[in-house]
PDB file of N, CA and C in Angstrom:
ATOM      1  N   MET A   1       6.776  39.732 -17.407  1.00  0.00           N
ATOM      2  CA  MET A   1       6.178  40.288 -16.212  1.00  0.00           C
ATOM      3  C   MET A   1       6.911  39.734 -14.994  1.00  0.00           C
ATOM      4  N   ASN A   2       7.305  40.596 -14.109  1.00  0.00           N
ATOM      5  CA  ASN A   2       7.935  40.179 -12.861  1.00  0.00           C
ATOM      6  C   ASN A   2       6.891  39.609 -11.917  1.00  0.00           C
ATOM      7  N   THR A   3       7.315  38.637 -11.138  1.00  0.00           N
ATOM      8  CA  THR A   3       6.424  38.038 -10.150  1.00  0.00           C
ATOM      9  C   THR A   3       6.466  38.838  -8.865  1.00  0.00           C
ATOM     10  N   ALA A   4       5.289  39.078  -8.295  1.00  0.00           N
ATOM     11  CA  ALA A   4       5.201  39.765  -7.007  1.00  0.00           C
ATOM     12  C   ALA A   4       4.031  39.196  -6.220  1.00  0.00           C
ATOM     13  N   VAL A   5       4.245  39.028  -4.931  1.00  0.00           N
ATOM     14  CA  VAL A   5       3.189  38.652  -3.999  1.00  0.00           C
ATOM     15  C   VAL A   5       3.148  39.756  -2.953  1.00  0.00           C
ATOM     16  N   THR A   6       2.027  40.473  -2.903  1.00  0.00           N
ATOM     17  CA  THR A   6       1.917  41.590  -1.963  1.00  0.00           C
ATOM     18  C   THR A   6       0.710  41.395  -1.054  1.00  0.00           C
ATOM     19  N   PHE A   7       0.807  41.969   0.130  1.00  0.00           N
ATOM     20  CA  PHE A   7      -0.283  41.931   1.097  1.00  0.00           C
ATOM     21  C   PHE A   7      -0.675  43.362   1.418  1.00  0.00           C
ATOM     22  N   GLU A   8      -1.979  43.593   1.459  1.00  0.00           N
ATOM     23  CA  GLU A   8      -2.500  44.935   1.721  1.00  0.00           C
ATOM     24  C   GLU A   8      -3.643  44.821   2.729  1.00  0.00           C
ATOM     25  N   TYR A   9      -3.523  45.533   3.825  1.00  0.00           N
ATOM     26  CA  TYR A   9      -4.577  45.537   4.838  1.00  0.00           C
ATOM     27  C   TYR A   9      -5.668  46.501   4.401  1.00  0.00           C
ATOM     28  N   GLN A  10      -6.911  46.008   4.347  1.00  0.00           N
ATOM     29  CA  GLN A  10      -8.049  46.788   3.894  1.00  0.00           C
ATOM     30  C   GLN A  10      -8.701  47.511   5.075  1.00  0.00           C
ATOM     31  N   THR A  11      -9.434  48.573   4.789  1.00  0.00           N
ATOM     32  CA  THR A  11     -10.082  49.348   5.854  1.00  0.00           C
ATOM     33  C   THR A  11     -11.172  48.554   6.570  1.00  0.00           C
ATOM     34  N   ASN A  12     -11.722  47.529   5.921  1.00  0.00           N
ATOM     35  CA  ASN A  12     -12.773  46.723   6.552  1.00  0.00           C
ATOM     36  C   ASN A  12     -12.208  45.587   7.407  1.00  0.00           C
ATOM     37  N   GLY A  13     -10.884  45.525   7.551  1.00  0.00           N
ATOM     38  CA  GLY A  13     -10.252  44.505   8.381  1.00  0.00           C
ATOM     39  C   GLY A  13      -9.754  43.295   7.621  1.00  0.00           C
ATOM     40  N   SER A  14     -10.116  43.174   6.360  1.00  0.00           N
ATOM     41  CA  SER A  14      -9.635  42.040   5.579  1.00  0.00           C
ATOM     42  C   SER A  14      -8.213  42.301   5.083  1.00  0.00           C
ATOM     43  N   VAL A  15      -7.585  41.234   4.614  1.00  0.00           N
ATOM     44  CA  VAL A  15      -6.237  41.327   4.066  1.00  0.00           C
ATOM     45  C   VAL A  15      -6.287  40.839   2.621  1.00  0.00           C
ATOM     46  N   LYS A  16      -5.756  41.652   1.718  1.00  0.00           N
ATOM     47  CA  LYS A  16      -5.725  41.302   0.300  1.00  0.00           C
ATOM     48  C   LYS A  16      -4.337  40.791  -0.059  1.00  0.00           C
ATOM     49  N   MET A  17      -4.292  39.561  -0.565  1.00  0.00           N
ATOM     50  CA  MET A  17      -3.054  38.976  -1.074  1.00  0.00           C
ATOM     51  C   MET A  17      -3.140  39.029  -2.596  1.00  0.00           C
ATOM     52  N   LYS A  18      -2.266  39.819  -3.214  1.00  0.00           N
ATOM     53  CA  LYS A  18      -2.297  39.994  -4.665  1.00  0.00           C
ATOM     54  C   LYS A  18      -1.080  39.322  -5.288  1.00  0.00           C
ATOM     55  N   VAL A  19      -1.339  38.545  -6.338  1.00  0.00           N
ATOM     56  CA  VAL A  19      -0.274  37.847  -7.049  1.00  0.00           C
ATOM     57  C   VAL A  19      -0.225  38.365  -8.477  1.00  0.00           C
ATOM     58  N   THR A  20       0.963  38.786  -8.912  1.00  0.00           N
ATOM     59  CA  THR A  20       1.168  39.160 -10.311  1.00  0.00           C
ATOM     60  C   THR A  20       2.273  38.282 -10.873  1.00  0.00           C
ATOM     61  N   GLY A  21       2.107  37.857 -12.108  1.00  0.00           N
ATOM     62  CA  GLY A  21       3.112  37.004 -12.745  1.00  0.00           C
ATOM     63  C   GLY A  21       2.928  35.542 -12.370  1.00  0.00           C
ATOM     64  N   LYS A  22       4.033  34.802 -12.428  1.00  0.00           N
ATOM     65  CA  LYS A  22       4.016  33.363 -12.161  1.00  0.00           C
ATOM     66  C   LYS A  22       4.156  33.088 -10.669  1.00  0.00           C
ATOM     67  N   LEU A  23       3.204  32.335 -10.129  1.00  0.00           N
ATOM     68  CA  LEU A  23       3.255  31.947  -8.717  1.00  0.00           C
ATOM     69  C   LEU A  23       3.940  30.584  -8.640  1.00  0.00           C
ATOM     70  N   ILE A  24       5.269  30.627  -8.674  1.00  0.00           N
ATOM     71  CA  ILE A  24       6.053  29.393  -8.731  1.00  0.00           C
ATOM     72  C   ILE A  24       7.267  29.492  -7.811  1.00  0.00           C
ATOM     73  N   GLY A  25       7.825  28.331  -7.500  1.00  0.00           N
ATOM     74  CA  GLY A  25       9.093  28.260  -6.779  1.00  0.00           C
ATOM     75  C   GLY A  25       9.117  28.993  -5.460  1.00  0.00           C
ATOM     76  N   HIS A  26      10.254  29.648  -5.208  1.00  0.00           N
ATOM     77  CA  HIS A  26      10.442  30.300  -3.905  1.00  0.00           C
ATOM     78  C   HIS A  26       9.469  31.452  -3.682  1.00  0.00           C
ATOM     79  N   LYS A  27       9.004  32.101  -4.752  1.00  0.00           N
ATOM     80  CA  LYS A  27       8.004  33.172  -4.581  1.00  0.00           C
ATOM     81  C   LYS A  27       6.705  32.592  -4.019  1.00  0.00           C
ATOM     82  N   ALA A  28       6.306  31.431  -4.520  1.00  0.00           N
ATOM     83  CA  ALA A  28       5.097  30.777  -4.015  1.00  0.00           C
ATOM     84  C   ALA A  28       5.296  30.315  -2.576  1.00  0.00           C
ATOM     85  N   ARG A  29       6.449  29.741  -2.295  1.00  0.00           N
ATOM     86  CA  ARG A  29       6.738  29.273  -0.936  1.00  0.00           C
ATOM     87  C   ARG A  29       6.724  30.442   0.048  1.00  0.00           C
ATOM     88  N   ASN A  30       7.346  31.549  -0.337  1.00  0.00           N
ATOM     89  CA  ASN A  30       7.350  32.742   0.516  1.00  0.00           C
ATOM     90  C   ASN A  30       5.940  33.305   0.685  1.00  0.00           C
ATOM     91  N   GLY A  31       5.153  33.277  -0.390  1.00  0.00           N
ATOM     92  CA  GLY A  31       3.772  33.752  -0.313  1.00  0.00           C
ATOM     93  C   GLY A  31       2.948  32.934   0.668  1.00  0.00           C
ATOM     94  N   LEU A  32       3.133  31.617   0.651  1.00  0.00           N
ATOM     95  CA  LEU A  32       2.417  30.757   1.589  1.00  0.00           C
ATOM     96  C   LEU A  32       2.853  31.038   3.020  1.00  0.00           C
ATOM     97  N   ASP A  33       4.144  31.196   3.233  1.00  0.00           N
ATOM     98  CA  ASP A  33       4.645  31.511   4.578  1.00  0.00           C
ATOM     99  C   ASP A  33       4.066  32.828   5.089  1.00  0.00           C
ATOM    100  N   LEU A  34       4.011  33.832   4.211  1.00  0.00           N
ATOM    101  CA  LEU A  34       3.447  35.126   4.606  1.00  0.00           C
ATOM    102  C   LEU A  34       1.952  35.021   4.898  1.00  0.00           C
ATOM    103  N   LEU A  35       1.241  34.259   4.075  1.00  0.00           N
ATOM    104  CA  LEU A  35      -0.193  34.075   4.301  1.00  0.00           C
ATOM    105  C   LEU A  35      -0.439  33.390   5.646  1.00  0.00           C
ATOM    106  N   LYS A  36       0.328  32.362   5.937  1.00  0.00           N
ATOM    107  CA  LYS A  36       0.193  31.674   7.231  1.00  0.00           C
ATOM    108  C   LYS A  36       0.466  32.642   8.382  1.00  0.00           C
ATOM    109  N   SER A  37       1.454  33.497   8.221  1.00  0.00           N
ATOM    110  CA  SER A  37       1.788  34.474   9.253  1.00  0.00           C
ATOM    111  C   SER A  37       0.632  35.452   9.481  1.00  0.00           C
ATOM    112  N   VAL A  38       0.029  35.909   8.396  1.00  0.00           N
ATOM    113  CA  VAL A  38      -1.112  36.828   8.491  1.00  0.00           C
ATOM    114  C   VAL A  38      -2.262  36.158   9.244  1.00  0.00           C
ATOM    115  N   VAL A  39      -2.523  34.891   8.925  1.00  0.00           N
ATOM    116  CA  VAL A  39      -3.607  34.158   9.586  1.00  0.00           C
ATOM    117  C   VAL A  39      -3.273  33.933  11.058  1.00  0.00           C
ATOM    118  N   GLU A  40      -2.017  33.623  11.361  1.00  0.00           N
ATOM    119  CA  GLU A  40      -1.600  33.432  12.756  1.00  0.00           C
ATOM    120  C   GLU A  40      -1.771  34.709  13.576  1.00  0.00           C
ATOM    121  N   GLN A  41      -1.710  35.864  12.913  1.00  0.00           N
ATOM    122  CA  GLN A  41      -1.920  37.147  13.591  1.00  0.00           C
ATOM    123  C   GLN A  41      -3.402  37.407  13.859  1.00  0.00           C
ATOM    124  N   GLY A  42      -4.261  36.507  13.404  1.00  0.00           N
ATOM    125  CA  GLY A  42      -5.688  36.625  13.686  1.00  0.00           C
ATOM    126  C   GLY A  42      -6.553  37.093  12.538  1.00  0.00           C
ATOM    127  N   HIS A  43      -5.971  37.353  11.390  1.00  0.00           N
ATOM    128  CA  HIS A  43      -6.760  37.790  10.235  1.00  0.00           C
ATOM    129  C   HIS A  43      -7.410  36.569   9.585  1.00  0.00           C
ATOM    130  N   ARG A  44      -8.723  36.590   9.462  1.00  0.00           N
ATOM    131  CA  ARG A  44      -9.466  35.455   8.914  1.00  0.00           C
ATOM    132  C   ARG A  44     -10.199  35.799   7.622  1.00  0.00           C
ATOM    133  N   ASP A  45     -10.304  37.072   7.298  1.00  0.00           N
ATOM    134  CA  ASP A  45     -10.999  37.517   6.090  1.00  0.00           C
ATOM    135  C   ASP A  45      -9.936  37.855   5.050  1.00  0.00           C
ATOM    136  N   ILE A  46      -9.798  36.979   4.050  1.00  0.00           N
ATOM    137  CA  ILE A  46      -8.723  37.087   3.068  1.00  0.00           C
ATOM    138  C   ILE A  46      -9.311  37.305   1.678  1.00  0.00           C
ATOM    139  N   ILE A  47      -8.734  38.229   0.944  1.00  0.00           N
ATOM    140  CA  ILE A  47      -9.042  38.410  -0.475  1.00  0.00           C
ATOM    141  C   ILE A  47      -7.817  37.920  -1.233  1.00  0.00           C
ATOM    142  N   LEU A  48      -7.990  36.895  -2.041  1.00  0.00           N
ATOM    143  CA  LEU A  48      -6.893  36.337  -2.830  1.00  0.00           C
ATOM    144  C   LEU A  48      -7.070  36.805  -4.269  1.00  0.00           C
ATOM    145  N   ASP A  49      -6.292  37.805  -4.662  1.00  0.00           N
ATOM    146  CA  ASP A  49      -6.416  38.432  -5.982  1.00  0.00           C
ATOM    147  C   ASP A  49      -5.450  37.762  -6.954  1.00  0.00           C
ATOM    148  N   LEU A  50      -6.008  36.913  -7.822  1.00  0.00           N
ATOM    149  CA  LEU A  50      -5.208  36.185  -8.811  1.00  0.00           C
ATOM    150  C   LEU A  50      -5.447  36.706 -10.229  1.00  0.00           C
ATOM    151  N   ARG A  51      -6.037  37.874 -10.352  1.00  0.00           N
ATOM    152  CA  ARG A  51      -6.380  38.384 -11.684  1.00  0.00           C
ATOM    153  C   ARG A  51      -5.166  38.608 -12.567  1.00  0.00           C
ATOM    154  N   GLU A  52      -4.004  38.880 -11.967  1.00  0.00           N
ATOM    155  CA  GLU A  52      -2.797  39.101 -12.768  1.00  0.00           C
ATOM    156  C   GLU A  52      -1.803  37.953 -12.632  1.00  0.00           C
ATOM    157  N   CYS A  53      -2.269  36.837 -12.080  1.00  0.00           N
ATOM    158  CA  CYS A  53      -1.431  35.641 -11.967  1.00  0.00           C
ATOM    159  C   CYS A  53      -1.495  34.894 -13.301  1.00  0.00           C
ATOM    160  N   THR A  54      -0.334  34.632 -13.889  1.00  0.00           N
ATOM    161  CA  THR A  54      -0.313  33.999 -15.205  1.00  0.00           C
ATOM    162  C   THR A  54      -0.192  32.489 -15.143  1.00  0.00           C
ATOM    163  N   SER A  55       0.391  31.944 -14.080  1.00  0.00           N
ATOM    164  CA  SER A  55       0.505  30.492 -13.947  1.00  0.00           C
ATOM    165  C   SER A  55       0.954  30.129 -12.540  1.00  0.00           C
ATOM    166  N   THR A  56       0.760  28.854 -12.203  1.00  0.00           N
ATOM    167  CA  THR A  56       1.228  28.329 -10.923  1.00  0.00           C
ATOM    168  C   THR A  56       1.923  26.997 -11.160  1.00  0.00           C
ATOM    169  N   ASP A  57       2.744  26.606 -10.204  1.00  0.00           N
ATOM    170  CA  ASP A  57       3.287  25.256 -10.188  1.00  0.00           C
ATOM    171  C   ASP A  57       2.753  24.576  -8.935  1.00  0.00           C
ATOM    172  N   SER A  58       3.315  23.437  -8.573  1.00  0.00           N
ATOM    173  CA  SER A  58       2.804  22.726  -7.400  1.00  0.00           C
ATOM    174  C   SER A  58       2.962  23.549  -6.129  1.00  0.00           C
ATOM    175  N   LEU A  59       3.998  24.386  -6.048  1.00  0.00           N
ATOM    176  CA  LEU A  59       4.173  25.234  -4.868  1.00  0.00           C
ATOM    177  C   LEU A  59       3.122  26.342  -4.829  1.00  0.00           C
ATOM    178  N   GLY A  60       2.785  26.882  -5.983  1.00  0.00           N
ATOM    179  CA  GLY A  60       1.716  27.876  -6.048  1.00  0.00           C
ATOM    180  C   GLY A  60       0.366  27.260  -5.707  1.00  0.00           C
ATOM    181  N   ASP A  61       0.138  26.050  -6.208  1.00  0.00           N
ATOM    182  CA  ASP A  61      -1.103  25.346  -5.891  1.00  0.00           C
ATOM    183  C   ASP A  61      -1.205  25.043  -4.399  1.00  0.00           C
ATOM    184  N   ALA A  62      -0.052  24.919  -3.728  1.00  0.00           N
ATOM    185  CA  ALA A  62      -0.043  24.621  -2.290  1.00  0.00           C
ATOM    186  C   ALA A  62      -0.744  25.713  -1.488  1.00  0.00           C
ATOM    187  N   ILE A  63      -0.719  26.947  -1.971  1.00  0.00           N
ATOM    188  CA  ILE A  63      -1.430  28.034  -1.283  1.00  0.00           C
ATOM    189  C   ILE A  63      -2.928  27.741  -1.276  1.00  0.00           C
ATOM    190  N   LEU A  64      -3.458  27.354  -2.429  1.00  0.00           N
ATOM    191  CA  LEU A  64      -4.884  27.039  -2.516  1.00  0.00           C
ATOM    192  C   LEU A  64      -5.221  25.804  -1.694  1.00  0.00           C
ATOM    193  N   GLU A  65      -4.346  24.813  -1.731  1.00  0.00           N
ATOM    194  CA  GLU A  65      -4.575  23.599  -0.952  1.00  0.00           C
ATOM    195  C   GLU A  65      -4.568  23.910   0.542  1.00  0.00           C
ATOM    196  N   TRP A  66      -3.647  24.768   0.988  1.00  0.00           N
ATOM    197  CA  TRP A  66      -3.586  25.126   2.406  1.00  0.00           C
ATOM    198  C   TRP A  66      -4.864  25.845   2.832  1.00  0.00           C
ATOM    199  N   ILE A  67      -5.333  26.771   2.006  1.00  0.00           N
ATOM    200  CA  ILE A  67      -6.587  27.467   2.307  1.00  0.00           C
ATOM    201  C   ILE A  67      -7.717  26.450   2.450  1.00  0.00           C
ATOM    202  N   HIS A  68      -7.761  25.494   1.535  1.00  0.00           N
ATOM    203  CA  HIS A  68      -8.809  24.471   1.550  1.00  0.00           C
ATOM    204  C   HIS A  68      -8.766  23.639   2.832  1.00  0.00           C
ATOM    205  N   THR A  69      -7.577  23.375   3.357  1.00  0.00           N
ATOM    206  CA  THR A  69      -7.439  22.542   4.559  1.00  0.00           C
ATOM    207  C   THR A  69      -7.805  23.275   5.844  1.00  0.00           C
ATOM    208  N   GLN A  70      -8.108  24.555   5.769  1.00  0.00           N
ATOM    209  CA  GLN A  70      -8.444  25.312   6.979  1.00  0.00           C
ATOM    210  C   GLN A  70      -9.870  25.056   7.448  1.00  0.00           C
ATOM    211  N   ASN A  71     -10.591  24.197   6.739  1.00  0.00           N
ATOM    212  CA  ASN A  71     -11.908  23.713   7.165  1.00  0.00           C
ATOM    213  C   ASN A  71     -12.881  24.822   7.538  1.00  0.00           C
ATOM    214  N   GLY A  72     -12.925  25.864   6.735  1.00  0.00           N
ATOM    215  CA  GLY A  72     -13.902  26.921   6.954  1.00  0.00           C
ATOM    216  C   GLY A  72     -13.539  27.940   8.013  1.00  0.00           C
ATOM    217  N   SER A  73     -12.335  27.860   8.566  1.00  0.00           N
ATOM    218  CA  SER A  73     -11.951  28.842   9.586  1.00  0.00           C
ATOM    219  C   SER A  73     -11.560  30.182   8.966  1.00  0.00           C
ATOM    220  N   LEU A  74     -11.431  30.210   7.636  1.00  0.00           N
ATOM    221  CA  LEU A  74     -11.103  31.443   6.923  1.00  0.00           C
ATOM    222  C   LEU A  74     -12.263  31.834   6.013  1.00  0.00           C
ATOM    223  N   SER A  75     -12.421  33.122   5.806  1.00  0.00           N
ATOM    224  CA  SER A  75     -13.345  33.627   4.805  1.00  0.00           C
ATOM    225  C   SER A  75     -12.480  34.128   3.656  1.00  0.00           C
ATOM    226  N   VAL A  76     -12.516  33.407   2.533  1.00  0.00           N
ATOM    227  CA  VAL A  76     -11.628  33.728   1.417  1.00  0.00           C
ATOM    228  C   VAL A  76     -12.450  34.065   0.185  1.00  0.00           C
ATOM    229  N   ASN A  77     -12.183  35.234  -0.376  1.00  0.00           N
ATOM    230  CA  ASN A  77     -12.785  35.654  -1.633  1.00  0.00           C
ATOM    231  C   ASN A  77     -11.689  35.576  -2.685  1.00  0.00           C
ATOM    232  N   VAL A  78     -11.867  34.700  -3.681  1.00  0.00           N
ATOM    233  CA  VAL A  78     -10.861  34.530  -4.725  1.00  0.00           C
ATOM    234  C   VAL A  78     -11.266  35.339  -5.941  1.00  0.00           C
ATOM    235  N   MET A  79     -10.388  36.248  -6.339  1.00  0.00           N
ATOM    236  CA  MET A  79     -10.577  37.012  -7.571  1.00  0.00           C
ATOM    237  C   MET A  79      -9.762  36.280  -8.628  1.00  0.00           C
ATOM    238  N   LYS A  80     -10.457  35.548  -9.511  1.00  0.00           N
ATOM    239  CA  LYS A  80      -9.803  34.620 -10.423  1.00  0.00           C
ATOM    240  C   LYS A  80      -9.169  35.300 -11.627  1.00  0.00           C
ATOM    241  N   SER A  81      -8.097  34.677 -12.057  1.00  0.00           N
ATOM    242  CA  SER A  81      -7.416  35.059 -13.285  1.00  0.00           C
ATOM    243  C   SER A  81      -8.194  34.521 -14.477  1.00  0.00           C
ATOM    244  N   ILE A  82      -7.975  35.111 -15.628  1.00  0.00           N
ATOM    245  CA  ILE A  82      -8.574  34.546 -16.837  1.00  0.00           C
ATOM    246  C   ILE A  82      -7.925  33.209 -17.175  1.00  0.00           C
ATOM    247  N   PHE A  83      -6.802  32.905 -16.534  1.00  0.00           N
ATOM    248  CA  PHE A  83      -6.101  31.647 -16.741  1.00  0.00           C
ATOM    249  C   PHE A  83      -6.460  30.630 -15.662  1.00  0.00           C
ATOM    250  N   SER A  84      -7.626  30.769 -15.032  1.00  0.00           N
ATOM    251  CA  SER A  84      -8.013  29.933 -13.897  1.00  0.00           C
ATOM    252  C   SER A  84      -7.999  28.454 -14.243  1.00  0.00           C
ATOM    253  N   THR A  85      -7.636  27.676 -13.231  1.00  0.00           N
ATOM    254  CA  THR A  85      -7.643  26.224 -13.367  1.00  0.00           C
ATOM    255  C   THR A  85      -8.794  25.662 -12.554  1.00  0.00           C
ATOM    256  N   ASN A  86      -9.018  24.379 -12.673  1.00  0.00           N
ATOM    257  CA  ASN A  86     -10.060  23.727 -11.879  1.00  0.00           C
ATOM    258  C   ASN A  86      -9.767  23.835 -10.395  1.00  0.00           C
ATOM    259  N   VAL A  87      -8.488  23.884 -10.023  1.00  0.00           N
ATOM    260  CA  VAL A  87      -8.125  24.005  -8.609  1.00  0.00           C
ATOM    261  C   VAL A  87      -8.686  25.302  -8.050  1.00  0.00           C
ATOM    262  N   ILE A  88      -8.541  26.395  -8.781  1.00  0.00           N
ATOM    263  CA  ILE A  88      -9.024  27.690  -8.316  1.00  0.00           C
ATOM    264  C   ILE A  88     -10.548  27.705  -8.275  1.00  0.00           C
ATOM    265  N   SER A  89     -11.201  27.173  -9.293  1.00  0.00           N
ATOM    266  CA  SER A  89     -12.658  27.234  -9.335  1.00  0.00           C
ATOM    267  C   SER A  89     -13.294  26.380  -8.245  1.00  0.00           C
ATOM    268  N   ALA A  90     -12.565  25.443  -7.686  1.00  0.00           N
ATOM    269  CA  ALA A  90     -13.101  24.604  -6.617  1.00  0.00           C
ATOM    270  C   ALA A  90     -13.361  25.395  -5.348  1.00  0.00           C
ATOM    271  N   PHE A  91     -12.788  26.587  -5.214  1.00  0.00           N
ATOM    272  CA  PHE A  91     -12.951  27.384  -4.008  1.00  0.00           C
ATOM    273  C   PHE A  91     -14.111  28.356  -4.099  1.00  0.00           C
ATOM    274  N   ASN A  92     -14.807  28.398  -5.203  1.00  0.00           N
ATOM    275  CA  ASN A  92     -15.939  29.325  -5.357  1.00  0.00           C
ATOM    276  C   ASN A  92     -17.252  28.590  -5.364  1.00  0.00           C
TER     277      ASN A  92
END
């Protein structure tokens, strides 16, 4: 499975970040940079779709850690993968 990180603006104003494949390395780093950019543009309602994410490394985990450090300034709905880790479940 190829890795992809996509962003989709929803009609209700939220932004959906969808991850397919492995969230590792430069793809994870780019995904975090894009997420930060979306938030800097004023979007605070985020849907993080990890249902097709097969694994993460420390860079992929950094996305979840960054969300956690926003101290409640974001509204994040995590759609968990069947391969969820304790890191992901900590956000629900």
